[in-house]
Amino acid sequence: VKGRFTISRDKNTVYLQMNSLKPEDTAVYY
């Protein structure tokens, strides 16, 4: 996912920005 996903955090919330998604990214995300 390097170069496509970005993790960030604001206090007690974490985000995952996912760009250029591919079929192989299909999953349950935890």
All heavy atoms as atom14 arrays in JSON, in Angstrom:
{
  "sequence": "VKGRFTISRDKNTVYLQMNSLKPEDTAVYY",
  "atom14_mask": [
    [1, 1, 1, 1, 1, 1, 1, 0, 0, 0, 0, 0, 0, 0],
    [1, 1, 1, 1, 1, 1, 1, 1, 1, 0, 0, 0, 0, 0],
    [1, 1, 1, 1, 0, 0, 0, 0, 0, 0, 0, 0, 0, 0],
    [1, 1, 1, 1, 1, 1, 1, 1, 1, 1, 1, 0, 0, 0],
    [1, 1, 1, 1, 1, 1, 1, 1, 1, 1, 1, 0, 0, 0],
    [1, 1, 1, 1, 1, 1, 1, 0, 0, 0, 0, 0, 0, 0],
    [1, 1, 1, 1, 1, 1, 1, 1, 0, 0, 0, 0, 0, 0],
    [1, 1, 1, 1, 1, 1, 0, 0, 0, 0, 0, 0, 0, 0],
    [1, 1, 1, 1, 1, 1, 1, 1, 1, 1, 1, 0, 0, 0],
    [1, 1, 1, 1, 1, 1, 1, 1, 0, 0, 0, 0, 0, 0],
    [1, 1, 1, 1, 1, 1, 1, 1, 1, 0, 0, 0, 0, 0],
    [1, 1, 1, 1, 1, 1, 1, 1, 0, 0, 0, 0, 0, 0],
    [1, 1, 1, 1, 1, 1, 1, 0, 0, 0, 0, 0, 0, 0],
    [1, 1, 1, 1, 1, 1, 1, 0, 0, 0, 0, 0, 0, 0],
    [1, 1, 1, 1, 1, 1, 1, 1, 1, 1, 1, 1, 0, 0],
    [1, 1, 1, 1, 1, 1, 1, 1, 0, 0, 0, 0, 0, 0],
    [1, 1, 1, 1, 1, 1, 1, 1, 1, 0, 0, 0, 0, 0],
    [1, 1, 1, 1, 1, 1, 1, 1, 0, 0, 0, 0, 0, 0],
    [1, 1, 1, 1, 1, 1, 1, 1, 0, 0, 0, 0, 0, 0],
    [1, 1, 1, 1, 1, 1, 0, 0, 0, 0, 0, 0, 0, 0],
    [1, 1, 1, 1, 1, 1, 1, 1, 0, 0, 0, 0, 0, 0],
    [1, 1, 1, 1, 1, 1, 1, 1, 1, 0, 0, 0, 0, 0],
    [1, 1, 1, 1, 1, 1, 1, 0, 0, 0, 0, 0, 0, 0],
    [1, 1, 1, 1, 1, 1, 1, 1, 1, 0, 0, 0, 0, 0],
    [1, 1, 1, 1, 1, 1, 1, 1, 0, 0, 0, 0, 0, 0],
    [1, 1, 1, 1, 1, 1, 1, 0, 0, 0, 0, 0, 0, 0],
    [1, 1, 1, 1, 1, 0, 0, 0, 0, 0, 0, 0, 0, 0],
    [1, 1, 1, 1, 1, 1, 1, 0, 0, 0, 0, 0, 0, 0],
    [1, 1, 1, 1, 1, 1, 1, 1, 1, 1, 1, 1, 0, 0],
    [1, 1, 1, 1, 1, 1, 1, 1, 1, 1, 1, 1, 0, 0]
  ],
  "atom14_positions": [
    [[0.81, -1.22, 0.0], [0.0, 0.0, 0.0], [0.84, 1.26, 0.0], [0.28, 2.37, -0.05], [-0.98, 0.02, 1.2], [-1.8, -1.26, 1.25], [-0.26, 0.26, 2.51], [0.0, 0.0, 0.0], [0.0, 0.0, 0.0], [0.0, 0.0, 0.0], [0.0, 0.0, 0.0], [0.0, 0.0, 0.0], [0.0, 0.0, 0.0], [0.0, 0.0, 0.0]],
    [[2.14, 1.14, 0.05], [3.01, 2.32, 0.08], [2.76, 3.19, -1.15], [2.69, 2.7, -2.27], [4.48, 1.89, 0.14], [4.93, 1.42, 1.5], [6.41, 1.03, 1.5], [6.83, 0.55, 2.87], [8.25, 0.09, 2.88], [0.0, 0.0, 0.0], [0.0, 0.0, 0.0], [0.0, 0.0, 0.0], [0.0, 0.0, 0.0], [0.0, 0.0, 0.0]],
    [[2.64, 4.48, -0.9], [2.39, 5.42, -1.99], [0.92, 5.58, -2.33], [0.56, 6.49, -3.1], [0.0, 0.0, 0.0], [0.0, 0.0, 0.0], [0.0, 0.0, 0.0], [0.0, 0.0, 0.0], [0.0, 0.0, 0.0], [0.0, 0.0, 0.0], [0.0, 0.0, 0.0], [0.0, 0.0, 0.0], [0.0, 0.0, 0.0], [0.0, 0.0, 0.0]],
    [[0.07, 4.71, -1.81], [-1.37, 4.79, -2.11], [-2.2, 5.1, -0.86], [-3.23, 5.77, -0.96], [-1.85, 3.47, -2.71], [-1.15, 3.08, -4.01], [-1.81, 1.87, -4.67], [-1.74, 0.68, -3.85], [-2.79, 0.0, -3.41], [-4.02, 0.41, -3.72], [-2.63, -1.08, -2.68], [0.0, 0.0, 0.0], [0.0, 0.0, 0.0], [0.0, 0.0, 0.0]],
    [[-1.79, 4.58, 0.28], [-2.54, 4.76, 1.53], [-1.78, 5.72, 2.44], [-0.55, 5.73, 2.46], [-2.7, 3.44, 2.27], [-3.63, 2.45, 1.61], [-4.1, 2.61, 0.31], [-4.03, 1.32, 2.3], [-4.94, 1.71, -0.28], [-4.88, 0.39, 1.72], [-5.32, 0.59, 0.43], [0.0, 0.0, 0.0], [0.0, 0.0, 0.0], [0.0, 0.0, 0.0]],
    [[-2.54, 6.48, 3.23], [-1.94, 7.39, 4.21], [-2.68, 7.25, 5.53], [-3.91, 7.4, 5.57], [-2.02, 8.84, 3.74], [-1.36, 8.97, 2.47], [-1.35, 9.77, 4.75], [0.0, 0.0, 0.0], [0.0, 0.0, 0.0], [0.0, 0.0, 0.0], [0.0, 0.0, 0.0], [0.0, 0.0, 0.0], [0.0, 0.0, 0.0], [0.0, 0.0, 0.0]],
    [[-1.94, 6.95, 6.58], [-2.52, 6.89, 7.92], [-2.24, 8.2, 8.62], [-1.17, 8.8, 8.48], [-1.94, 5.69, 8.73], [-2.7, 5.51, 10.04], [-0.44, 5.84, 8.96], [-2.34, 4.21, 10.77], [0.0, 0.0, 0.0], [0.0, 0.0, 0.0], [0.0, 0.0, 0.0], [0.0, 0.0, 0.0], [0.0, 0.0, 0.0], [0.0, 0.0, 0.0]],
    [[-3.23, 8.65, 9.39], [-3.07, 9.88, 10.17], [-3.88, 9.74, 11.45], [-4.75, 8.87, 11.58], [-3.5, 11.11, 9.37], [-4.87, 11.02, 9.01], [0.0, 0.0, 0.0], [0.0, 0.0, 0.0], [0.0, 0.0, 0.0], [0.0, 0.0, 0.0], [0.0, 0.0, 0.0], [0.0, 0.0, 0.0], [0.0, 0.0, 0.0], [0.0, 0.0, 0.0]],
    [[-3.59, 10.63, 12.37], [-4.25, 10.56, 13.68], [-4.55, 11.96, 14.16], [-3.73, 12.88, 14.03], [-3.36, 9.83, 14.69], [-3.93, 9.76, 16.09], [-2.95, 9.11, 17.04], [-3.41, 9.27, 18.41], [-2.69, 8.88, 19.49], [-1.53, 8.29, 19.33], [-3.17, 9.09, 20.7], [0.0, 0.0, 0.0], [0.0, 0.0, 0.0], [0.0, 0.0, 0.0]],
    [[-5.72, 12.12, 14.74], [-6.12, 13.38, 15.38], [-6.66, 13.01, 16.75], [-7.78, 12.5, 16.87], [-7.17, 14.1, 14.55], [-7.61, 15.41, 15.18], [-6.93, 15.87, 16.12], [-8.62, 15.98, 14.73], [0.0, 0.0, 0.0], [0.0, 0.0, 0.0], [0.0, 0.0, 0.0], [0.0, 0.0, 0.0], [0.0, 0.0, 0.0], [0.0, 0.0, 0.0]],
    [[-5.87, 13.22, 17.77], [-6.22, 12.85, 19.14], [-6.53, 11.35, 19.18], [-5.65, 10.53, 18.95], [-7.38, 13.7, 19.65], [-7.02, 15.19, 19.78], [-8.18, 16.0, 20.34], [-7.79, 17.47, 20.44], [-8.89, 18.32, 20.95], [0.0, 0.0, 0.0], [0.0, 0.0, 0.0], [0.0, 0.0, 0.0], [0.0, 0.0, 0.0], [0.0, 0.0, 0.0]],
    [[-7.76, 10.97, 19.47], [-8.1, 9.56, 19.63], [-8.81, 8.98, 18.42], [-9.5, 7.96, 18.52], [-8.96, 9.37, 20.89], [-8.22, 9.75, 22.16], [-7.02, 9.56, 22.24], [-8.94, 10.28, 23.12], [0.0, 0.0, 0.0], [0.0, 0.0, 0.0], [0.0, 0.0, 0.0], [0.0, 0.0, 0.0], [0.0, 0.0, 0.0], [0.0, 0.0, 0.0]],
    [[-8.64, 9.61, 17.28], [-9.21, 9.11, 16.04], [-8.09, 8.88, 15.04], [-7.21, 9.71, 14.89], [-10.23, 10.1, 15.46], [-11.29, 10.29, 16.4], [-10.82, 9.57, 14.16], [0.0, 0.0, 0.0], [0.0, 0.0, 0.0], [0.0, 0.0, 0.0], [0.0, 0.0, 0.0], [0.0, 0.0, 0.0], [0.0, 0.0, 0.0], [0.0, 0.0, 0.0]],
    [[-8.15, 7.71, 14.4], [-7.16, 7.38, 13.37], [-7.88, 7.25, 12.04], [-9.02, 6.78, 11.97], [-6.38, 6.1, 13.74], [-7.29, 4.88, 13.78], [-5.21, 5.88, 12.8], [0.0, 0.0, 0.0], [0.0, 0.0, 0.0], [0.0, 0.0, 0.0], [0.0, 0.0, 0.0], [0.0, 0.0, 0.0], [0.0, 0.0, 0.0], [0.0, 0.0, 0.0]],
    [[-7.21, 7.7, 11.0], [-7.78, 7.69, 9.66], [-6.9, 6.87, 8.72], [-5.68, 6.74, 8.93], [-7.89, 9.11, 9.11], [-8.67, 10.05, 9.97], [-8.03, 10.85, 10.93], [-10.05, 10.14, 9.86], [-8.75, 11.71, 11.73], [-10.78, 11.01, 10.67], [-10.12, 11.79, 11.6], [-10.84, 12.64, 12.4], [0.0, 0.0, 0.0], [0.0, 0.0, 0.0]],
    [[-7.52, 6.35, 7.68], [-6.76, 5.7, 6.62], [-7.32, 6.21, 5.29], [-8.43, 5.86, 4.91], [-6.86, 4.18, 6.69], [-5.97, 3.42, 5.71], [-4.49, 3.62, 6.06], [-6.31, 1.93, 5.68], [0.0, 0.0, 0.0], [0.0, 0.0, 0.0], [0.0, 0.0, 0.0], [0.0, 0.0, 0.0], [0.0, 0.0, 0.0], [0.0, 0.0, 0.0]],
    [[-6.54, 7.05, 4.63], [-6.91, 7.54, 3.31], [-6.38, 6.54, 2.29], [-5.17, 6.28, 2.24], [-6.32, 8.92, 3.05], [-6.6, 9.47, 1.67], [-8.07, 9.76, 1.44], [-8.74, 10.33, 2.31], [-8.59, 9.38, 0.28], [0.0, 0.0, 0.0], [0.0, 0.0, 0.0], [0.0, 0.0, 0.0], [0.0, 0.0, 0.0], [0.0, 0.0, 0.0]],
    [[-7.27, 5.99, 1.5], [-6.89, 4.96, 0.53], [-7.18, 5.47, -0.88], [-8.34, 5.72, -1.22], [-7.69, 3.67, 0.79], [-7.54, 3.15, 2.21], [-8.35, 1.56, 2.48], [-10.07, 2.03, 2.26], [0.0, 0.0, 0.0], [0.0, 0.0, 0.0], [0.0, 0.0, 0.0], [0.0, 0.0, 0.0], [0.0, 0.0, 0.0], [0.0, 0.0, 0.0]],
    [[-6.12, 5.64, -1.64], [-6.22, 6.11, -3.02], [-5.77, 5.01, -3.98], [-5.11, 4.06, -3.58], [-5.38, 7.36, -3.22], [-5.81, 8.52, -2.35], [-7.0, 8.68, -2.05], [-4.86, 9.33, -1.94], [0.0, 0.0, 0.0], [0.0, 0.0, 0.0], [0.0, 0.0, 0.0], [0.0, 0.0, 0.0], [0.0, 0.0, 0.0], [0.0, 0.0, 0.0]],
    [[-6.13, 5.19, -5.24], [-5.73, 4.23, -6.28], [-6.03, 2.8, -5.85], [-5.19, 1.91, -5.97], [-4.24, 4.39, -6.6], [-3.95, 5.69, -7.03], [0.0, 0.0, 0.0], [0.0, 0.0, 0.0], [0.0, 0.0, 0.0], [0.0, 0.0, 0.0], [0.0, 0.0, 0.0], [0.0, 0.0, 0.0], [0.0, 0.0, 0.0], [0.0, 0.0, 0.0]],
    [[-7.22, 2.59, -5.38], [-7.59, 1.27, -4.85], [-7.58, 0.21, -5.94], [-7.91, 0.48, -7.1], [-8.96, 1.34, -4.19], [-8.94, 1.97, -2.79], [-10.32, 2.45, -2.38], [-8.39, 0.97, -1.78], [0.0, 0.0, 0.0], [0.0, 0.0, 0.0], [0.0, 0.0, 0.0], [0.0, 0.0, 0.0], [0.0, 0.0, 0.0], [0.0, 0.0, 0.0]],
    [[-7.2, -0.99, -5.54], [-7.11, -2.13, -6.43], [-8.04, -3.24, -5.93], [-8.33, -3.31, -4.73], [-5.68, -2.66, -6.47], [-4.63, -1.63, -6.84], [-3.23, -2.22, -6.74], [-2.17, -1.21, -7.09], [-0.8, -1.78, -7.0], [0.0, 0.0, 0.0], [0.0, 0.0, 0.0], [0.0, 0.0, 0.0], [0.0, 0.0, 0.0], [0.0, 0.0, 0.0]],
    [[-8.47, -4.13, -6.82], [-9.32, -5.24, -6.36], [-8.68, -6.05, -5.23], [-9.39, -6.54, -4.34], [-9.5, -6.08, -7.63], [-9.41, -5.08, -8.74], [-8.37, -4.09, -8.28], [0.0, 0.0, 0.0], [0.0, 0.0, 0.0], [0.0, 0.0, 0.0], [0.0, 0.0, 0.0], [0.0, 0.0, 0.0], [0.0, 0.0, 0.0], [0.0, 0.0, 0.0]],
    [[-7.36, -6.16, -5.24], [-6.69, -6.92, -4.18], [-6.7, -6.22, -2.83], [-6.29, -6.8, -1.82], [-5.25, -7.26, -4.57], [-4.42, -6.09, -5.06], [-4.41, -5.97, -6.57], [-5.48, -6.12, -7.21], [-3.3, -5.73, -7.12], [0.0, 0.0, 0.0], [0.0, 0.0, 0.0], [0.0, 0.0, 0.0], [0.0, 0.0, 0.0], [0.0, 0.0, 0.0]],
    [[-7.18, -4.97, -2.78], [-7.36, -4.29, -1.5], [-8.68, -4.69, -0.83], [-8.94, -4.29, 0.31], [-7.35, -2.77, -1.7], [-6.01, -2.25, -2.17], [-4.97, -2.72, -1.65], [-5.99, -1.37, -3.06], [0.0, 0.0, 0.0], [0.0, 0.0, 0.0], [0.0, 0.0, 0.0], [0.0, 0.0, 0.0], [0.0, 0.0, 0.0], [0.0, 0.0, 0.0]],
    [[-9.5, -5.45, -1.52], [-10.77, -5.9, -0.95], [-10.53, -6.73, 0.3], [-9.78, -7.71, 0.28], [-11.56, -6.72, -1.98], [-11.92, -5.86, -3.08], [-12.82, -7.3, -1.36], [0.0, 0.0, 0.0], [0.0, 0.0, 0.0], [0.0, 0.0, 0.0], [0.0, 0.0, 0.0], [0.0, 0.0, 0.0], [0.0, 0.0, 0.0], [0.0, 0.0, 0.0]],
    [[-11.15, -6.33, 1.4], [-10.96, -7.01, 2.68], [-11.85, -6.34, 3.72], [-12.43, -5.28, 3.48], [-9.5, -6.93, 3.13], [0.0, 0.0, 0.0], [0.0, 0.0, 0.0], [0.0, 0.0, 0.0], [0.0, 0.0, 0.0], [0.0, 0.0, 0.0], [0.0, 0.0, 0.0], [0.0, 0.0, 0.0], [0.0, 0.0, 0.0], [0.0, 0.0, 0.0]],
    [[-11.91, -6.97, 4.88], [-12.46, -6.29, 6.06], [-11.3, -5.57, 6.73], [-10.26, -6.18, 7.01], [-13.13, -7.28, 7.03], [-13.63, -6.54, 8.26], [-14.27, -8.02, 6.34], [0.0, 0.0, 0.0], [0.0, 0.0, 0.0], [0.0, 0.0, 0.0], [0.0, 0.0, 0.0], [0.0, 0.0, 0.0], [0.0, 0.0, 0.0], [0.0, 0.0, 0.0]],
    [[-11.48, -4.3, 6.97], [-10.43, -3.48, 7.59], [-10.77, -3.25, 9.06], [-11.9, -2.88, 9.41], [-10.31, -2.15, 6.85], [-9.58, -2.28, 5.53], [-10.17, -2.93, 4.45], [-8.29, -1.77, 5.37], [-9.5, -3.08, 3.25], [-7.62, -1.91, 4.16], [-8.22, -2.57, 3.12], [-7.56, -2.71, 1.92], [0.0, 0.0, 0.0], [0.0, 0.0, 0.0]],
    [[-9.77, -3.49, 9.91], [-9.92, -3.34, 11.35], [-8.94, -2.28, 11.86], [-7.79, -2.26, 11.43], [-9.6, -4.65, 12.06], [-10.49, -5.81, 11.69], [-10.16, -6.64, 10.63], [-11.64, -6.08, 12.42], [-10.96, -7.72, 10.29], [-12.45, -7.16, 12.1], [-12.11, -7.97, 11.03], [-12.9, -9.04, 10.71], [0.0, 0.0, 0.0], [0.0, 0.0, 0.0]]
  ]
}
